Protein backbone atom coordinates (compact mmCIF):
# COMPACT_ATOMS: atom_id res chain seq x y z
CA ASP A 1 -31.43 -24.67 -6.60
CA ASN A 2 -34.11 -21.98 -6.74
CA THR A 3 -34.95 -19.23 -9.18
CA PHE A 4 -36.05 -16.02 -7.52
CA THR A 5 -37.68 -13.49 -9.83
CA VAL A 6 -38.76 -9.96 -9.03
CA THR A 7 -41.74 -8.62 -10.95
CA PRO A 8 -42.35 -5.05 -12.13
CA ASP A 9 -43.47 -2.63 -9.41
CA ALA A 10 -42.26 -4.99 -6.71
CA ASP A 11 -40.82 -3.57 -3.51
CA ALA A 12 -37.07 -3.10 -3.60
CA GLU A 13 -36.66 -5.72 -0.87
CA ALA A 14 -38.71 -8.35 -2.70
CA LEU A 15 -35.63 -10.12 -4.01
CA ALA A 16 -33.80 -10.02 -0.68
CA PHE A 17 -33.46 -13.68 0.23
CA ILE A 18 -32.62 -13.29 3.91
CA ALA A 19 -32.74 -10.13 6.00
CA GLY A 20 -31.49 -10.83 9.49
CA GLY A 21 -30.77 -8.52 12.38
CA PRO A 22 -28.50 -5.50 12.06
CA VAL A 23 -24.76 -6.07 11.94
CA SER A 24 -24.03 -3.83 14.91
CA GLY A 25 -26.39 -5.28 17.51
CA GLY A 26 -29.22 -7.74 17.83
CA GLU A 27 -29.16 -11.45 17.16
CA GLN A 28 -28.38 -12.71 13.68
CA PRO A 29 -29.30 -16.06 12.19
CA ASP A 30 -26.12 -18.11 11.78
CA GLY A 31 -24.87 -20.75 9.43
CA TYR A 32 -26.87 -20.12 6.29
CA THR A 33 -25.92 -21.68 2.97
CA VAL A 34 -27.20 -19.92 -0.17
CA ALA A 35 -26.10 -22.01 -3.13
CA ASP A 36 -26.90 -22.77 -6.77
CA ASN A 37 -29.70 -20.20 -7.06
CA THR A 38 -30.59 -17.70 -9.75
CA PHE A 39 -31.68 -14.23 -8.63
CA THR A 40 -33.15 -12.46 -11.64
CA THR A 41 -35.33 -9.57 -12.72
CA GLU A 42 -35.96 -11.15 -16.12
CA THR A 43 -39.65 -12.09 -16.19
CA PRO A 44 -41.33 -14.55 -18.56
CA VAL A 45 -42.10 -13.70 -22.17
CA GLY A 46 -44.98 -11.26 -22.46
CA PHE A 47 -44.22 -9.48 -19.19
CA ASP A 48 -42.05 -6.43 -18.52
CA ASP A 49 -38.81 -7.13 -16.73
CA GLY A 50 -38.54 -5.89 -13.17
CA THR A 51 -35.86 -4.02 -11.26
CA THR A 52 -34.65 -4.34 -7.70
CA GLY A 53 -32.77 -2.38 -5.08
CA ILE A 54 -30.74 -5.44 -4.10
CA SER A 55 -30.42 -9.02 -5.30
CA LEU A 56 -29.24 -10.74 -2.13
CA HIS A 57 -29.01 -9.28 1.35
CA LEU A 58 -27.58 -11.74 3.86
CA GLU A 59 -26.80 -10.89 7.46
CA SER A 60 -25.42 -13.97 9.15
CA ASP A 61 -22.30 -15.46 10.69
CA ASP A 62 -20.63 -18.65 9.43
CA ALA A 63 -22.53 -18.38 6.16
CA THR A 64 -21.69 -19.52 2.63
CA VAL A 65 -22.91 -17.87 -0.57
CA GLU A 66 -21.79 -20.10 -3.43
CA ASN A 67 -22.42 -20.81 -7.13
CA ASN A 68 -25.28 -18.34 -7.51
CA GLU A 69 -26.13 -16.24 -10.54
CA PHE A 70 -27.39 -12.67 -10.34
CA PRO A 71 -28.59 -11.52 -13.79
CA SER A 72 -30.48 -8.66 -12.16
CA VAL A 73 -31.11 -5.05 -13.13
CA GLY A 74 -30.98 -2.55 -10.30
CA THR A 75 -32.94 0.62 -9.79
CA GLY A 76 -29.99 2.96 -10.28
CA GLU A 77 -29.18 5.22 -7.31
CA GLU A 78 -31.78 3.40 -5.20
CA ALA A 79 -29.91 0.10 -5.63
CA PRO A 80 -26.94 0.25 -3.27
CA TYR A 81 -25.56 -3.27 -3.84
CA ASP A 82 -26.19 -6.22 -6.10
CA VAL A 83 -25.14 -8.54 -3.25
CA ALA A 84 -24.55 -7.54 0.37
CA VAL A 85 -23.09 -10.04 2.85
CA ALA A 86 -22.64 -8.90 6.44
CA GLY A 87 -21.36 -10.87 9.39
CA ASP A 88 -18.34 -12.82 10.62
CA ASP A 89 -16.61 -15.85 9.12
CA ASN A 90 -18.59 -15.69 5.89
CA GLU A 91 -17.56 -16.99 2.46
CA VAL A 92 -18.74 -15.69 -0.93
CA LEU A 93 -17.55 -18.16 -3.55
CA ASN A 94 -17.86 -18.65 -7.30
CA ASN A 95 -20.87 -16.39 -7.88
CA ASP A 96 -21.69 -14.51 -11.10
CA LEU A 97 -22.56 -10.88 -10.36
CA SER A 98 -22.78 -9.64 -13.94
CA SER A 99 -25.47 -7.06 -13.36
CA ALA A 100 -26.32 -3.47 -14.24
CA GLU A 101 -27.68 -0.35 -12.53
CA PHE A 102 -26.38 -1.21 -9.05
CA THR A 103 -24.18 1.27 -7.21
CA ASP A 104 -21.72 -1.43 -6.05
CA GLY A 105 -21.45 -5.05 -7.07
CA LEU A 106 -20.48 -6.90 -3.88
CA PHE A 107 -20.57 -5.32 -0.42
CA LEU A 108 -18.71 -7.10 2.37
CA VAL A 109 -18.52 -6.24 6.05
CA GLY A 110 -17.44 -8.38 8.98
CA ASP A 111 -14.55 -10.25 10.57
CA GLY A 112 -13.05 -13.26 8.82
CA VAL A 113 -14.58 -12.73 5.37
CA LEU A 114 -13.54 -14.46 2.14
CA ALA A 115 -14.67 -13.52 -1.37
CA ALA A 116 -13.10 -15.83 -3.96
CA ASP A 117 -13.59 -16.94 -7.56
CA ASN A 118 -16.48 -14.55 -8.22
CA ALA A 119 -17.18 -12.70 -11.48
CA ILE A 120 -18.23 -9.11 -10.75
CA ASP A 121 -19.06 -6.91 -13.71
CA GLY A 122 -20.89 -3.73 -14.60
CA ALA A 123 -21.58 -1.91 -11.32
CA ASP A 124 -22.03 1.84 -11.54
CA ALA A 125 -19.44 2.42 -8.78
CA ASN A 126 -17.23 -0.25 -7.16
CA GLY A 127 -16.92 -3.89 -8.02
CA VAL A 128 -16.15 -4.91 -4.42
CA LEU A 129 -16.78 -2.52 -1.53
CA VAL A 130 -15.41 -3.51 1.91
CA GLY A 131 -17.09 -1.74 4.80
CA GLY A 132 -15.31 0.06 7.60
CA GLY A 133 -14.70 -1.82 10.82
CA SER A 134 -14.09 -5.08 8.99
CA ALA A 135 -11.12 -7.31 9.79
CA ASP A 136 -9.32 -10.29 8.29
CA VAL A 137 -10.87 -9.83 4.85
CA THR A 138 -9.59 -11.68 1.77
CA VAL A 139 -10.56 -10.84 -1.81
CA ASP A 140 -8.94 -13.63 -3.82
CA ASP A 141 -8.95 -14.80 -7.45
CA ASN A 142 -11.99 -12.84 -8.61
CA GLU A 143 -12.69 -11.32 -12.03
CA ILE A 144 -13.67 -7.70 -11.38
CA THR A 145 -14.36 -5.89 -14.64
CA ASN A 146 -16.07 -2.89 -16.24
CA ASN A 147 -17.15 -1.15 -13.05
CA GLY A 148 -17.64 2.61 -12.99
CA LEU A 149 -15.25 3.43 -10.14
CA TRP A 150 -12.80 1.07 -8.38
CA GLY A 151 -12.39 -2.65 -8.75
CA VAL A 152 -11.85 -2.97 -4.98
CA ASN A 153 -12.56 -0.14 -2.53
CA ALA A 154 -11.83 -0.58 1.19
CA THR A 155 -11.73 1.85 4.12
CA GLY A 156 -11.03 1.14 7.77
CA VAL A 157 -10.08 -2.53 7.45
CA ASP A 158 -7.69 -4.37 9.78
CA GLU A 159 -5.90 -7.15 7.85
CA LEU A 160 -6.92 -6.94 4.20
CA ASP A 161 -5.62 -9.23 1.45
CA VAL A 162 -6.42 -8.40 -2.18
CA VAL A 163 -4.63 -11.16 -4.06
CA ASP A 164 -4.54 -12.87 -7.45
CA ASN A 165 -7.51 -11.03 -8.94
CA LEU A 166 -8.14 -9.91 -12.51
CA ILE A 167 -9.15 -6.25 -12.20
CA ASP A 168 -9.77 -4.94 -15.70
CA GLU A 169 -11.43 -1.94 -17.38
CA ASN A 170 -12.50 -0.23 -14.16
CA LEU A 171 -11.96 3.47 -13.59
CA GLY A 172 -9.35 2.51 -10.98
CA GLY A 173 -7.90 -0.74 -9.70
CA VAL A 174 -7.59 -0.99 -5.90
CA ILE A 175 -8.07 1.87 -3.44
CA VAL A 176 -7.50 1.44 0.31
CA GLU A 177 -7.71 4.09 3.02
CA ASP A 178 -7.18 4.09 6.79
CA SER A 179 -6.37 0.38 7.00
CA SER A 180 -3.62 -1.85 8.38
CA GLU A 181 -1.78 -5.03 7.49
CA LEU A 182 -2.55 -4.58 3.83
CA ASP A 183 -1.41 -7.05 1.16
CA VAL A 184 -2.16 -6.22 -2.48
CA SER A 185 -0.32 -8.87 -4.46
CA GLY A 186 -0.44 -11.05 -7.54
CA ASN A 187 -3.18 -9.07 -9.25
CA ASP A 188 -3.54 -8.24 -12.93
CA ILE A 189 -4.75 -4.64 -12.86
CA LEU A 190 -5.35 -3.53 -16.43
CA ASP A 191 -6.63 -0.42 -18.23
CA SER A 192 -7.27 1.80 -15.22
CA SER A 193 -7.78 5.50 -15.87
CA VAL A 194 -7.13 6.76 -12.32
CA ALA A 195 -4.56 4.48 -10.66
CA GLY A 196 -3.73 0.82 -10.47
CA VAL A 197 -3.22 0.80 -6.69
CA GLU A 198 -3.87 3.80 -4.44
CA VAL A 199 -3.21 3.53 -0.69
CA SER A 200 -3.47 6.27 1.93
CA GLU A 201 -3.37 6.61 5.71
CA SER A 202 -2.52 2.93 6.20
CA ASP A 203 0.07 0.95 8.17
CA ASP A 204 2.08 -2.13 7.23
CA VAL A 205 1.50 -1.94 3.49
CA SER A 206 2.75 -4.49 0.96
CA VAL A 207 2.12 -4.03 -2.77
CA ALA A 208 3.88 -6.85 -4.57
CA ASP A 209 3.95 -8.97 -7.72
CA ASN A 210 1.17 -7.07 -9.48
CA ASP A 211 0.94 -6.53 -13.23
CA ILE A 212 -0.36 -2.96 -13.64
CA ASP A 213 -0.74 -2.11 -17.31
CA ALA A 214 -2.67 1.00 -18.34
CA THR A 215 -1.32 1.28 -21.87
CA GLY A 216 -3.43 3.85 -23.67
CA ASP A 217 -5.07 5.12 -20.47
CA SER A 218 -4.17 8.11 -18.31
CA GLY A 219 -3.86 6.57 -14.85
CA ALA A 220 -0.96 6.28 -12.46
CA GLY A 221 0.53 2.95 -11.47
CA ILE A 222 1.06 2.69 -7.68
CA ASP A 223 0.49 5.64 -5.35
CA VAL A 224 1.07 5.29 -1.58
CA SER A 225 0.70 8.33 0.68
CA ASP A 226 0.44 9.19 4.38
CA SER A 227 1.25 5.61 5.32
CA ALA A 228 3.85 3.74 7.36
CA ASN A 229 6.06 0.70 6.88
CA VAL A 230 5.60 0.39 3.14
CA ALA A 231 7.02 -2.22 0.75
CA VAL A 232 6.47 -1.99 -3.03
CA GLU A 233 8.16 -4.99 -4.59
CA ALA A 234 8.35 -6.96 -7.85
CA ASN A 235 5.53 -5.18 -9.66
CA GLU A 236 5.35 -4.55 -13.41
CA VAL A 237 4.05 -1.04 -14.00
CA LEU A 238 3.61 -0.34 -17.70
CA GLY A 239 2.11 2.49 -19.74
CA ASN A 240 0.70 4.57 -16.89
CA ASP A 241 0.60 8.13 -18.20
CA ASP A 242 0.25 9.83 -14.81
CA GLY A 243 3.24 8.12 -13.22
CA GLY A 244 4.83 4.82 -12.28
CA ILE A 245 5.45 4.28 -8.55
CA SER A 246 4.96 7.20 -6.16
CA LEU A 247 5.47 7.37 -2.39
CA SER A 248 4.78 10.47 -0.30
CA ALA A 249 4.58 11.25 3.41
CA ILE A 250 5.78 7.82 4.53
CA GLY A 251 6.67 6.89 8.10
CA ALA A 252 8.50 3.93 9.67
CA GLY A 253 10.53 3.31 6.53
CA ALA A 254 9.88 2.14 2.99
CA ALA A 255 11.33 -0.14 0.32
CA VAL A 256 10.84 -0.03 -3.45
CA GLU A 257 12.56 -3.10 -4.84
CA ASP A 258 12.72 -5.25 -7.98
CA ASN A 259 9.99 -3.43 -9.90
CA LEU A 260 9.75 -2.84 -13.66
CA VAL A 261 8.48 0.64 -14.50
CA ALA A 262 8.32 1.38 -18.22
CA GLY A 263 6.53 3.64 -20.65
CA SER A 264 4.94 5.72 -17.90
CA GLY A 265 4.55 9.40 -17.06
CA GLY A 266 7.06 8.99 -14.23
CA GLY A 267 9.43 6.35 -12.96
CA VAL A 268 9.95 5.92 -9.20
CA SER A 269 9.40 8.93 -6.93
CA ALA A 270 9.53 9.24 -3.15
CA ALA A 271 9.00 12.43 -1.16
CA ILE A 272 9.12 12.93 2.61
CA VAL A 273 10.01 9.48 3.87
CA ASN A 274 10.80 9.01 7.56
CA GLY A 275 12.59 5.96 8.86
CA GLY A 276 14.83 5.35 5.86
CA LEU A 277 14.29 4.28 2.27
CA THR A 278 15.64 1.54 0.00
CA VAL A 279 15.26 1.79 -3.79
CA ALA A 280 16.98 -1.30 -5.18
CA GLY A 281 16.92 -3.66 -8.12
CA ASN A 282 14.39 -1.72 -10.16
CA ASP A 283 14.29 -1.39 -13.95
CA VAL A 284 13.09 2.14 -14.69
CA SER A 285 13.11 2.60 -18.45
CA SER A 286 11.49 4.76 -21.13
CA ASN A 287 9.51 6.94 -18.74
CA ASP A 288 9.15 10.71 -18.44
CA ASP A 289 11.42 10.57 -15.37
CA GLY A 290 13.78 8.12 -13.72
CA ILE A 291 14.25 7.80 -9.93
CA ASP A 292 13.47 10.94 -7.92
CA VAL A 293 13.93 10.99 -4.12
CA ASN A 294 13.31 14.06 -2.01
CA GLY A 295 13.28 14.49 1.76
CA VAL A 296 14.40 11.29 3.50
CA THR A 297 14.98 11.08 7.24
CA GLY A 298 17.26 8.15 7.99
CA ASP A 299 19.47 6.10 5.68
CA LEU A 300 18.93 6.04 1.92
CA ASP A 301 20.07 3.21 -0.35
CA VAL A 302 19.70 3.54 -4.12
CA THR A 303 21.42 0.46 -5.48
CA ASP A 304 21.45 -1.98 -8.40
CA ASN A 305 18.87 -0.12 -10.47
CA ILE A 306 18.69 0.13 -14.26
CA VAL A 307 17.66 3.67 -15.20
CA ASP A 308 17.58 3.92 -18.97
CA ASP A 309 16.10 6.02 -21.78
CA ASN A 310 14.01 8.32 -19.61
CA SER A 311 13.07 11.83 -20.74
CA ASP A 312 14.47 13.54 -17.66
CA ASP A 313 17.22 12.99 -15.08
CA GLY A 314 18.24 9.44 -14.32
CA ILE A 315 18.64 9.47 -10.52
CA THR A 316 17.88 12.61 -8.49
CA VAL A 317 18.39 12.71 -4.71
CA GLU A 318 17.79 15.79 -2.58
CA GLY A 319 17.56 16.33 1.15
CA VAL A 320 18.68 13.31 3.20
CA GLY A 321 19.45 13.64 6.90
CA GLY A 322 19.27 11.97 10.26
CA VAL A 323 16.61 12.24 12.92
CA GLU A 324 16.91 15.60 14.73
CA GLY A 325 20.15 16.30 12.92
CA GLY A 326 21.67 12.91 13.71
CA PRO A 327 23.81 10.89 11.29
CA SER A 328 22.47 9.29 8.13
CA GLN A 329 24.11 7.42 5.27
CA THR A 330 23.27 7.89 1.58
CA THR A 331 24.50 5.10 -0.67
CA ILE A 332 24.11 5.30 -4.46
CA ALA A 333 25.86 2.26 -5.86
CA ASP A 334 25.95 -0.26 -8.68
CA ASN A 335 23.33 1.52 -10.78
CA LYS A 336 23.30 1.63 -14.58
CA VAL A 337 22.20 5.11 -15.60
CA THR A 338 22.21 5.35 -19.38
CA ASP A 339 20.69 7.22 -22.33
CA ASN A 340 18.51 9.61 -20.36
CA THR A 341 17.92 12.52 -22.73
CA VAL A 342 16.30 15.91 -23.09
CA GLY A 343 12.55 15.79 -22.73
CA THR A 344 9.84 18.26 -23.66
CA PRO A 345 10.15 21.08 -22.75
CA ALA A 346 13.89 20.90 -23.25
CA ILE A 347 15.90 20.72 -20.01
CA ASP A 348 19.45 19.86 -19.09
CA THR A 349 19.35 16.14 -18.30
CA LEU A 350 21.67 14.64 -15.71
CA GLY A 351 22.66 11.06 -15.09
CA ILE A 352 22.91 11.30 -11.28
CA SER A 353 22.19 14.44 -9.26
CA VAL A 354 22.74 14.57 -5.48
CA THR A 355 22.02 17.65 -3.35
CA ASP A 356 21.94 18.29 0.39
CA VAL A 357 22.84 14.90 1.86
CA ASP A 358 25.00 13.66 4.72
CA ASP A 359 27.67 11.00 4.40
CA LEU A 360 27.46 10.16 0.70
CA ALA A 361 28.91 7.04 -0.88
CA LEU A 362 28.56 7.10 -4.67
CA GLU A 363 30.22 3.94 -5.88
CA ASP A 364 30.53 1.64 -8.90
CA ASN A 365 27.84 3.24 -11.03
CA LEU A 366 27.77 3.19 -14.83
CA VAL A 367 26.73 6.66 -16.01
CA GLU A 368 26.79 6.76 -19.78
CA ARG A 369 25.32 8.67 -22.72
CA ASN A 370 23.08 10.94 -20.70
CA ASP A 371 22.21 14.18 -22.42
CA VAL A 372 24.24 16.82 -20.57
CA GLU A 373 25.94 15.98 -17.26
CA GLY A 374 27.06 12.69 -15.83
CA VAL A 375 27.23 13.13 -12.03
CA VAL A 376 26.58 16.36 -10.12
CA ILE A 377 27.05 16.54 -6.33
CA GLU A 378 26.26 19.74 -4.41
CA ASP A 379 26.00 20.68 -0.75
CA ALA A 380 27.00 17.29 0.64
CA ASP A 381 29.15 16.11 3.54
CA ASP A 382 31.66 13.26 3.74
CA VAL A 383 31.57 12.57 0.01
CA SER A 384 33.14 9.43 -1.40
CA ALA A 385 32.84 9.03 -5.19
CA SER A 386 34.73 5.94 -6.27
CA GLY A 387 34.77 3.25 -8.91
CA ASN A 388 32.29 4.97 -11.19
CA ASP A 389 32.40 4.66 -14.98
CA ILE A 390 31.26 7.96 -16.53
CA ALA A 391 31.32 8.29 -20.30
CA GLU A 392 29.90 10.02 -23.39
CA GLN A 393 28.34 13.14 -21.85
CA GLU A 394 28.98 16.86 -22.04
CA GLU A 395 30.27 16.92 -18.45
CA GLY A 396 31.67 14.14 -16.27
CA LEU A 397 31.85 14.31 -12.44
CA LEU A 398 31.17 17.69 -10.82
CA VAL A 399 31.39 18.25 -7.04
CA SER A 400 30.79 21.62 -5.39
CA ALA A 401 29.94 23.18 -2.02
CA ALA A 402 30.84 19.96 -0.22
CA ALA A 403 32.86 18.85 2.79
CA ASP A 404 35.55 16.17 3.02
CA VAL A 405 35.51 14.98 -0.56
CA SER A 406 37.23 11.84 -1.83
CA VAL A 407 37.20 11.12 -5.58
CA ASP A 408 39.12 7.98 -6.44
CA SER A 409 39.39 5.19 -8.97
CA ASN A 410 36.79 6.57 -11.36
CA GLU A 411 36.98 6.15 -15.13
CA VAL A 412 35.84 9.23 -17.05
CA SER A 413 35.98 9.23 -20.84
CA GLU A 414 34.59 10.83 -23.99
CA ILE A 415 33.49 13.99 -22.24
CA ASP A 416 33.02 17.20 -24.24
CA GLY A 417 33.74 19.53 -21.33
CA GLN A 418 35.16 18.98 -17.82
CA ALA A 419 35.93 15.40 -16.86
CA ILE A 420 36.29 15.95 -13.07
CA ASP A 421 35.69 19.28 -11.34
CA VAL A 422 35.85 19.66 -7.55
CA SER A 423 35.27 23.13 -6.13
CA ASP A 424 34.39 24.96 -2.92
CA THR A 425 35.14 22.12 -0.50
CA THR A 426 36.81 21.81 2.88
CA THR A 427 39.18 18.99 1.97
CA ALA A 428 39.51 17.23 -1.38
CA SER A 429 41.42 14.10 -2.32
CA LEU A 430 41.53 12.91 -5.94
CA GLU A 431 43.44 9.70 -6.47
CA ALA A 432 43.86 7.00 -9.13
CA ASN A 433 41.24 8.35 -11.52
CA ALA A 434 41.53 7.59 -15.24
CA VAL A 435 40.54 10.43 -17.59
CA GLU A 436 40.53 9.93 -21.34
CA SER A 437 39.22 11.95 -24.28
CA ALA A 438 37.87 14.95 -22.42
CA GLY A 439 37.72 18.64 -23.25
CA ASP A 440 39.35 19.35 -19.87
CA GLY A 441 40.82 16.89 -17.40
CA ILE A 442 40.85 17.45 -13.63
CA ALA A 443 40.16 20.78 -11.93
CA VAL A 444 40.32 21.47 -8.19
CA SER A 445 39.55 24.91 -6.77
CA ASP A 446 38.64 26.66 -3.53
CA ALA A 447 39.55 23.89 -1.12
CA ALA A 448 39.37 25.64 2.26
CA ILE A 449 41.78 23.35 4.11
CA ASP A 450 43.63 20.90 1.91
CA ALA A 451 43.59 19.39 -1.60
CA SER A 452 45.51 16.37 -2.84
CA VAL A 453 45.67 15.21 -6.48
CA THR A 454 47.78 12.06 -6.90
CA ASP A 455 48.28 9.06 -9.19
CA ASN A 456 45.64 10.07 -11.74
């Protein structure tokens, strides 16, 4: 219940309420409560307002900082943080850090740290900065707005939860590097110009249930790189000009499931994923690209996705194999791939394109009204294409340079050119396909061992 005011020409530490021992060594005072205070640089009428290098510097364990207001003005580059709280098992709750001319708004470092229900606005750099070496840190239900760099920036944190925050009008939303057991979920991340969520060099990553809307801004949605055991689930990624959801250099497997990606510079992309990949249940619509997967070691499942009205190929898969040449399974099934059309510059747009994979099952997909070709399969082994509905394109189902090909029970209709074309294979079996209203029907050529065309 105090008001602390810094006067002009005061020392930068004059507004520091408590300065204990250093975090990494020495004894710290424990158990402080700092509550219901105002820390201000606004001096009485007739005096010039002051500035400060920091509003509150607390080094303590088992401390609570609650219900304080910080209407302070920092000294620019010489003001590292508006509020800095260092120590273990600390809580920073329901404070108003609406200040200017500080590098970062709230700095946290320690083990067992909670920052919840705070309003953090107007820092020159990051809204919340989490220091390296911290552990079990939760940033929950804060309003983090109008900061010059990232809403939340964390490096070297073991167990970090960034949940249920409003992160709006910052340069970027959440950036995390070199951390583990990361949960970024339930956040509204709006109007970011760099990225909504950017994660690198981290293990056990979950990015889920976020609303990432950058309509009118140039940022990307979700970008995860050089990380392991990654799950990106149930996010809404809208209007991100630089891309929707992107994974690259991922180890120990990844899943991209049940996301909505719309109106963005790219849809869902994944490159160099070890340990297998699942892309399932996503709605990828009205983007500059659909689903693009390149370089998966392990099994790949692309299933139950809606890929519609994108300005490039619908689903593109290239380069899937097992560990050290071992077996792997690629399943592309139950997807709706529709109305993907020529973009700018003009290119031939495909519904589904699959190249260089082992053991391919392409089943029960709807591939309709894409600009040029429906399904193209090249350089694949053990190919089974069955139960697909391919309609209203220039070309239907094209398979070439493949081994052990089975094409059965597909419906191909309203095709300007070739409905089904299988060429340059070892064996080929085409059975029980229905072809209607096509420029050409079924063509089989250059089967090295055996070809069978029956009951079509």
